[in-house]
N, C-alpha and C. Protein backbone atom coordinates (compact mmCIF):
# COMPACT_ATOMS: atom_id res chain seq x y z
N MET A 1 6.15 7.91 -31.62
CA MET A 1 6.34 7.43 -30.28
C MET A 1 5.28 7.98 -29.27
N VAL A 2 4.85 7.07 -28.37
CA VAL A 2 3.90 7.38 -27.25
C VAL A 2 4.57 6.97 -25.99
N SER A 3 3.84 7.41 -25.00
CA SER A 3 4.08 6.90 -23.71
C SER A 3 3.03 6.04 -23.08
N VAL A 4 3.50 5.09 -22.21
CA VAL A 4 2.59 4.11 -21.48
C VAL A 4 2.46 4.53 -20.02
N VAL A 5 1.29 4.53 -19.53
CA VAL A 5 0.94 4.75 -18.13
C VAL A 5 1.53 3.67 -17.29
N GLN A 6 2.56 3.71 -16.45
CA GLN A 6 3.18 2.77 -15.74
C GLN A 6 2.29 2.50 -14.40
N ASN A 7 1.91 3.68 -13.73
CA ASN A 7 1.25 3.48 -12.58
C ASN A 7 0.46 4.74 -12.31
N VAL A 8 -0.46 4.72 -11.35
CA VAL A 8 -1.31 5.88 -10.91
C VAL A 8 -0.69 6.01 -9.41
N ALA A 9 0.00 7.33 -9.27
CA ALA A 9 0.62 7.52 -7.91
C ALA A 9 -0.33 8.25 -6.98
N ILE A 10 -0.30 7.77 -5.80
CA ILE A 10 -1.33 8.35 -4.83
C ILE A 10 -0.38 8.76 -3.58
N ASP A 11 -0.27 10.03 -3.37
CA ASP A 11 0.49 10.61 -2.23
C ASP A 11 -0.38 10.26 -0.87
N CYS A 12 0.33 9.84 0.22
CA CYS A 12 -0.42 9.38 1.28
C CYS A 12 0.43 9.58 2.56
N VAL A 13 -0.10 9.52 3.73
CA VAL A 13 0.69 9.62 5.00
C VAL A 13 1.34 8.13 5.35
N ASN A 14 0.50 7.17 5.12
CA ASN A 14 0.99 5.71 5.35
C ASN A 14 0.81 4.92 4.32
N ALA A 15 1.91 4.81 3.35
CA ALA A 15 1.84 4.10 2.04
C ALA A 15 1.33 2.56 2.32
N TYR A 16 1.93 1.85 3.24
CA TYR A 16 1.59 0.42 3.39
C TYR A 16 0.15 0.25 3.78
N GLU A 17 -0.37 1.01 4.71
CA GLU A 17 -1.76 0.85 5.25
C GLU A 17 -2.80 1.29 4.13
N LEU A 18 -2.47 2.31 3.44
CA LEU A 18 -3.35 2.75 2.33
C LEU A 18 -3.34 1.71 1.20
N ALA A 19 -2.26 1.11 0.89
CA ALA A 19 -2.28 0.21 -0.13
C ALA A 19 -2.80 -1.00 0.29
N ARG A 20 -2.86 -1.34 1.50
CA ARG A 20 -3.63 -2.65 2.06
C ARG A 20 -5.21 -2.43 1.84
N PHE A 21 -5.71 -1.10 2.17
CA PHE A 21 -7.10 -0.93 1.85
C PHE A 21 -7.40 -1.10 0.54
N TRP A 22 -6.53 -0.45 -0.45
CA TRP A 22 -6.92 -0.58 -1.83
C TRP A 22 -6.63 -1.97 -2.42
N SER A 23 -5.83 -2.75 -1.77
CA SER A 23 -5.72 -4.15 -2.11
C SER A 23 -6.93 -4.83 -1.79
N GLU A 24 -7.64 -4.66 -0.67
CA GLU A 24 -8.93 -5.18 -0.45
C GLU A 24 -10.04 -4.64 -1.38
N VAL A 25 -9.92 -3.41 -1.72
CA VAL A 25 -10.95 -2.91 -2.59
C VAL A 25 -10.81 -3.50 -3.87
N THR A 26 -9.69 -3.74 -4.49
CA THR A 26 -9.51 -4.26 -5.76
C THR A 26 -9.39 -5.79 -5.84
N GLY A 27 -9.08 -6.43 -4.78
CA GLY A 27 -9.00 -7.99 -4.66
C GLY A 27 -7.59 -8.17 -5.30
N ARG A 28 -6.57 -7.21 -5.35
CA ARG A 28 -5.36 -7.51 -5.99
C ARG A 28 -4.21 -7.42 -4.86
N PRO A 29 -3.11 -8.17 -5.02
CA PRO A 29 -2.14 -8.24 -4.05
C PRO A 29 -1.20 -7.14 -3.95
N LEU A 30 -0.61 -6.90 -2.71
CA LEU A 30 0.42 -5.90 -2.65
C LEU A 30 1.72 -6.45 -3.45
N HIS A 31 2.68 -5.62 -3.80
CA HIS A 31 3.88 -6.20 -4.46
C HIS A 31 4.54 -7.05 -3.30
N PRO A 32 5.05 -8.19 -3.75
CA PRO A 32 5.62 -9.28 -2.69
C PRO A 32 6.65 -8.65 -1.82
N GLU A 33 7.48 -7.62 -2.20
CA GLU A 33 8.48 -7.12 -1.49
C GLU A 33 8.01 -6.00 -0.40
N ASP A 34 6.77 -5.75 -0.48
CA ASP A 34 6.30 -4.58 0.29
C ASP A 34 6.06 -5.06 1.68
N GLU A 35 6.24 -4.15 2.83
CA GLU A 35 6.28 -4.55 4.21
C GLU A 35 5.75 -3.35 4.94
N PRO A 36 5.14 -3.58 5.95
CA PRO A 36 4.76 -2.35 6.96
C PRO A 36 5.83 -1.40 7.09
N GLY A 37 5.56 -0.04 7.12
CA GLY A 37 6.35 0.93 7.28
C GLY A 37 7.23 1.41 6.06
N MET A 38 7.18 0.72 4.96
CA MET A 38 7.88 1.00 3.83
C MET A 38 7.26 2.46 3.30
N PRO A 39 8.09 3.34 2.70
CA PRO A 39 7.50 4.55 2.18
C PRO A 39 6.95 4.59 0.75
N GLU A 40 7.10 3.36 0.13
CA GLU A 40 6.53 3.21 -1.21
C GLU A 40 5.84 1.82 -1.21
N THR A 41 4.79 1.74 -1.70
CA THR A 41 4.01 0.39 -1.70
C THR A 41 3.25 0.21 -3.00
N GLN A 42 2.92 -0.90 -3.66
CA GLN A 42 2.25 -0.98 -4.89
C GLN A 42 1.32 -2.02 -4.75
N VAL A 43 0.11 -1.79 -5.35
CA VAL A 43 -0.87 -2.81 -5.49
C VAL A 43 -0.78 -3.31 -6.95
N MET A 44 -0.53 -4.57 -7.04
CA MET A 44 -0.28 -5.14 -8.59
C MET A 44 -1.68 -5.52 -9.14
N MET A 45 -1.94 -4.57 -10.08
CA MET A 45 -3.29 -4.85 -10.88
C MET A 45 -3.14 -5.90 -11.87
N ALA A 46 -4.21 -6.46 -12.22
CA ALA A 46 -4.29 -7.74 -13.19
C ALA A 46 -3.80 -7.09 -14.49
N GLU A 47 -4.23 -6.00 -14.91
CA GLU A 47 -4.00 -5.34 -16.15
C GLU A 47 -4.05 -3.80 -16.02
N GLY A 48 -3.26 -3.13 -16.88
CA GLY A 48 -3.21 -1.64 -16.81
C GLY A 48 -2.25 -1.30 -15.78
N PRO A 49 -2.23 0.02 -15.39
CA PRO A 49 -1.17 0.49 -14.40
C PRO A 49 -1.34 0.16 -13.02
N MET A 50 -0.24 -0.08 -12.28
CA MET A 50 -0.29 -0.39 -10.92
C MET A 50 -0.79 1.02 -10.09
N LEU A 51 -1.27 0.63 -8.93
CA LEU A 51 -1.60 1.71 -7.97
C LEU A 51 -0.31 1.79 -7.12
N TYR A 52 0.20 3.07 -7.20
CA TYR A 52 1.61 3.13 -6.42
C TYR A 52 1.38 4.30 -5.34
N PHE A 53 1.62 3.81 -4.07
CA PHE A 53 1.46 4.68 -2.93
C PHE A 53 2.73 5.26 -2.40
N HIS A 54 2.85 6.58 -2.31
CA HIS A 54 4.08 7.14 -1.96
C HIS A 54 3.88 8.05 -0.76
N GLN A 55 4.63 7.74 0.32
CA GLN A 55 4.43 8.40 1.60
C GLN A 55 5.05 9.85 1.58
N VAL A 56 4.15 10.92 1.86
CA VAL A 56 4.70 12.24 1.92
C VAL A 56 4.25 12.67 3.32
N PRO A 57 5.04 13.74 3.75
CA PRO A 57 4.83 14.32 5.14
C PRO A 57 3.45 14.92 5.37
N GLU A 58 2.80 15.61 4.34
CA GLU A 58 1.69 16.31 4.52
C GLU A 58 0.48 15.53 4.25
N ALA A 59 -0.62 15.87 5.08
CA ALA A 59 -1.90 15.12 4.83
C ALA A 59 -2.52 15.80 3.51
N LYS A 60 -3.44 15.15 3.09
CA LYS A 60 -4.39 15.72 1.97
C LYS A 60 -5.14 16.93 2.35
N VAL A 61 -5.18 17.84 1.30
CA VAL A 61 -5.96 19.02 1.66
C VAL A 61 -6.71 19.31 0.35
N GLY A 62 -8.06 19.56 0.48
CA GLY A 62 -8.80 19.92 -0.68
C GLY A 62 -9.28 18.64 -1.39
N LYS A 63 -10.01 19.04 -2.45
CA LYS A 63 -10.52 18.04 -3.43
C LYS A 63 -9.51 17.40 -4.37
N ASN A 64 -9.56 16.06 -4.70
CA ASN A 64 -8.59 15.44 -5.61
C ASN A 64 -8.87 16.09 -6.98
N ARG A 65 -7.98 16.28 -7.81
CA ARG A 65 -8.01 16.61 -9.17
C ARG A 65 -8.12 15.52 -10.03
N LEU A 66 -7.85 14.38 -9.65
CA LEU A 66 -7.75 13.06 -10.27
C LEU A 66 -8.29 12.00 -9.39
N HIS A 67 -9.14 11.10 -9.75
CA HIS A 67 -9.62 10.09 -8.89
C HIS A 67 -10.00 8.79 -9.78
N LEU A 68 -10.04 7.71 -8.96
CA LEU A 68 -10.60 6.47 -9.64
C LEU A 68 -12.05 6.26 -9.65
N CYS A 69 -12.60 5.66 -10.68
CA CYS A 69 -13.99 5.26 -10.73
C CYS A 69 -14.07 3.78 -10.84
N LEU A 70 -14.73 3.25 -9.93
CA LEU A 70 -14.77 1.75 -9.82
C LEU A 70 -16.23 1.29 -10.47
N ARG A 71 -16.08 0.19 -11.19
CA ARG A 71 -17.29 -0.44 -11.77
C ARG A 71 -17.26 -1.91 -11.11
N PRO A 72 -18.09 -2.07 -10.13
CA PRO A 72 -18.03 -3.30 -9.28
C PRO A 72 -18.58 -4.51 -10.14
N ARG A 73 -18.19 -5.79 -9.65
CA ARG A 73 -18.75 -6.97 -10.33
C ARG A 73 -20.14 -7.29 -9.69
N THR A 74 -20.23 -6.85 -8.44
CA THR A 74 -21.51 -7.03 -7.71
C THR A 74 -22.55 -5.78 -8.01
N SER A 75 -23.57 -5.74 -7.32
CA SER A 75 -24.28 -4.41 -7.51
C SER A 75 -23.54 -3.24 -6.94
N ARG A 76 -24.02 -2.06 -7.44
CA ARG A 76 -23.27 -0.83 -6.81
C ARG A 76 -23.64 -0.75 -5.38
N GLU A 77 -24.87 -1.11 -4.95
CA GLU A 77 -25.24 -0.97 -3.65
C GLU A 77 -24.50 -1.89 -2.62
N GLU A 78 -24.34 -3.13 -3.24
CA GLU A 78 -23.48 -4.03 -2.34
C GLU A 78 -22.06 -3.61 -2.19
N GLU A 79 -21.54 -3.09 -3.23
CA GLU A 79 -20.21 -2.68 -3.33
C GLU A 79 -19.90 -1.46 -2.38
N VAL A 80 -20.87 -0.57 -2.48
CA VAL A 80 -20.81 0.65 -1.49
C VAL A 80 -20.76 0.19 -0.08
N GLU A 81 -21.61 -0.84 0.23
CA GLU A 81 -21.76 -1.35 1.72
C GLU A 81 -20.40 -2.04 1.96
N ARG A 82 -19.92 -2.79 1.13
CA ARG A 82 -18.59 -3.56 1.36
C ARG A 82 -17.51 -2.47 1.64
N LEU A 83 -17.37 -1.48 0.74
CA LEU A 83 -16.40 -0.45 0.87
C LEU A 83 -16.45 0.34 2.22
N LEU A 84 -17.63 0.75 2.53
CA LEU A 84 -17.84 1.32 3.85
C LEU A 84 -17.40 0.48 4.97
N ALA A 85 -17.65 -0.85 5.04
CA ALA A 85 -17.22 -1.73 6.02
C ALA A 85 -15.67 -1.92 6.01
N LEU A 86 -15.07 -1.60 4.94
CA LEU A 86 -13.55 -1.69 4.81
C LEU A 86 -12.87 -0.48 5.36
N GLY A 87 -13.76 0.57 5.58
CA GLY A 87 -13.14 1.87 6.08
C GLY A 87 -13.38 3.16 5.19
N ALA A 88 -14.05 2.97 4.20
CA ALA A 88 -14.39 4.08 3.23
C ALA A 88 -15.40 4.93 3.96
N THR A 89 -15.59 6.17 3.65
CA THR A 89 -16.65 6.98 4.10
C THR A 89 -17.51 7.51 2.69
N LEU A 90 -18.70 7.76 3.11
CA LEU A 90 -19.54 8.37 2.06
C LEU A 90 -19.41 9.83 1.96
N VAL A 91 -18.96 10.40 0.80
CA VAL A 91 -18.85 11.80 0.65
C VAL A 91 -20.02 12.49 0.06
N ALA A 92 -20.53 11.87 -0.93
CA ALA A 92 -21.87 12.45 -1.72
C ALA A 92 -22.51 11.19 -2.26
N ASP A 93 -23.84 11.14 -2.05
CA ASP A 93 -24.62 10.17 -2.67
C ASP A 93 -25.30 10.83 -3.98
N LEU A 94 -24.86 10.46 -5.07
CA LEU A 94 -25.43 11.00 -6.41
C LEU A 94 -26.03 9.91 -7.03
N ARG A 95 -26.59 8.91 -6.38
CA ARG A 95 -27.48 7.87 -6.88
C ARG A 95 -28.93 8.38 -7.09
N ASN A 96 -29.43 8.04 -8.22
CA ASN A 96 -30.97 8.47 -8.64
C ASN A 96 -31.95 7.43 -8.40
N PRO A 97 -33.07 7.72 -8.15
CA PRO A 97 -34.19 6.75 -8.05
C PRO A 97 -34.32 5.81 -9.11
N ASP A 98 -33.98 6.37 -10.39
CA ASP A 98 -34.05 5.33 -11.55
C ASP A 98 -32.83 4.51 -11.72
N GLY A 99 -31.79 4.52 -10.76
CA GLY A 99 -30.83 3.54 -10.77
C GLY A 99 -29.45 4.20 -11.44
N SER A 100 -29.71 5.38 -11.98
CA SER A 100 -28.44 6.02 -12.51
C SER A 100 -27.62 6.78 -11.56
N GLY A 101 -26.57 7.24 -11.85
CA GLY A 101 -25.80 7.99 -10.89
C GLY A 101 -24.73 7.13 -10.30
N TRP A 102 -24.06 7.68 -9.21
CA TRP A 102 -22.93 7.13 -8.60
C TRP A 102 -22.82 7.54 -7.10
N ALA A 103 -21.93 6.78 -6.39
CA ALA A 103 -21.74 7.24 -4.97
C ALA A 103 -20.19 7.77 -5.07
N VAL A 104 -19.89 8.89 -4.22
CA VAL A 104 -18.57 9.19 -4.06
C VAL A 104 -18.26 8.99 -2.69
N LEU A 105 -17.16 8.20 -2.56
CA LEU A 105 -16.60 7.72 -1.37
C LEU A 105 -15.17 8.24 -1.11
N ALA A 106 -14.64 8.17 0.00
CA ALA A 106 -13.23 8.64 0.35
C ALA A 106 -12.56 7.31 1.00
N ASP A 107 -11.36 7.16 0.73
CA ASP A 107 -10.58 6.14 1.38
C ASP A 107 -10.11 6.55 2.80
N PRO A 108 -9.56 5.87 3.58
CA PRO A 108 -9.13 6.20 4.97
C PRO A 108 -8.34 7.42 5.02
N GLU A 109 -7.69 7.85 3.96
CA GLU A 109 -6.83 9.15 4.08
C GLU A 109 -7.68 10.31 3.39
N GLY A 110 -8.83 10.13 3.00
CA GLY A 110 -9.52 11.08 2.40
C GLY A 110 -9.72 11.26 0.93
N ASN A 111 -9.03 10.37 0.31
CA ASN A 111 -9.00 10.41 -1.39
C ASN A 111 -10.29 9.96 -1.88
N GLU A 112 -10.89 10.78 -2.63
CA GLU A 112 -12.24 10.52 -3.22
C GLU A 112 -12.18 9.73 -4.28
N PHE A 113 -13.22 8.69 -4.46
CA PHE A 113 -13.32 7.87 -5.58
C PHE A 113 -14.78 7.57 -5.91
N CYS A 114 -15.22 7.15 -6.93
CA CYS A 114 -16.53 6.95 -7.30
C CYS A 114 -16.83 5.51 -7.44
N VAL A 115 -18.02 5.09 -7.17
CA VAL A 115 -18.63 3.65 -7.33
C VAL A 115 -19.82 3.80 -8.29
N LEU A 116 -19.58 3.33 -9.60
CA LEU A 116 -20.33 3.48 -10.58
C LEU A 116 -21.41 2.19 -10.43
N ARG A 117 -22.38 2.20 -11.37
CA ARG A 117 -23.32 1.02 -11.61
C ARG A 117 -22.45 -0.14 -12.07
N SER A 118 -22.74 -1.32 -11.78
CA SER A 118 -22.24 -2.44 -12.34
C SER A 118 -22.88 -2.77 -13.67
N GLU A 119 -22.35 -3.60 -14.49
CA GLU A 119 -22.94 -3.95 -15.66
C GLU A 119 -24.33 -4.50 -15.54
N SER A 120 -24.49 -5.35 -14.48
CA SER A 120 -25.80 -6.05 -14.22
C SER A 120 -26.73 -4.99 -13.78
N ASP A 121 -26.35 -3.95 -13.07
CA ASP A 121 -27.23 -2.74 -12.75
C ASP A 121 -27.78 -1.98 -13.87
N ARG A 122 -26.77 -1.76 -14.91
CA ARG A 122 -26.97 -1.04 -16.01
C ARG A 122 -27.96 -1.90 -16.98
N ALA A 123 -27.75 -3.26 -17.07
CA ALA A 123 -28.67 -4.02 -17.90
C ALA A 123 -30.12 -3.95 -17.29
N ALA A 124 -30.30 -4.10 -15.95
CA ALA A 124 -31.43 -4.13 -15.35
C ALA A 124 -32.25 -2.89 -15.58
N THR A 125 -31.61 -1.61 -15.67
CA THR A 125 -32.34 -0.39 -15.97
C THR A 125 -32.57 -0.19 -17.40
N ALA A 126 -31.81 -0.85 -18.27
CA ALA A 126 -32.00 -0.60 -19.73
C ALA A 126 -33.24 -1.55 -20.37
N SER A 127 -33.74 -2.54 -19.50
CA SER A 127 -34.79 -3.34 -19.84
C SER A 127 -36.18 -2.67 -19.79
């Protein structure tokens, strides 16, 4: 017997607002029953585990021990700009002149995540 990952749980101060941010990031909808002010909200992923946001009284402190890595369908540079416009902040720019590397961003509550090279970015540097 094995276990299946049901969701990735993210503690936050405002579950609905943070879920809305991640809904925009992923292009996936919130659970149809979720409303502003709810202490638990979910982003319904097309496949794999859901993103589950759970409201807690304390703010984030320190570096995440677990984070999401995103592989955009557009270029990494375009996706970083789009996410910054949505409210993310740049934490560390680990992109290299040869096109390798990634960008570390944080969501509006400070949870770090990475933006990797897209498949087209990877193919362009492999040629």
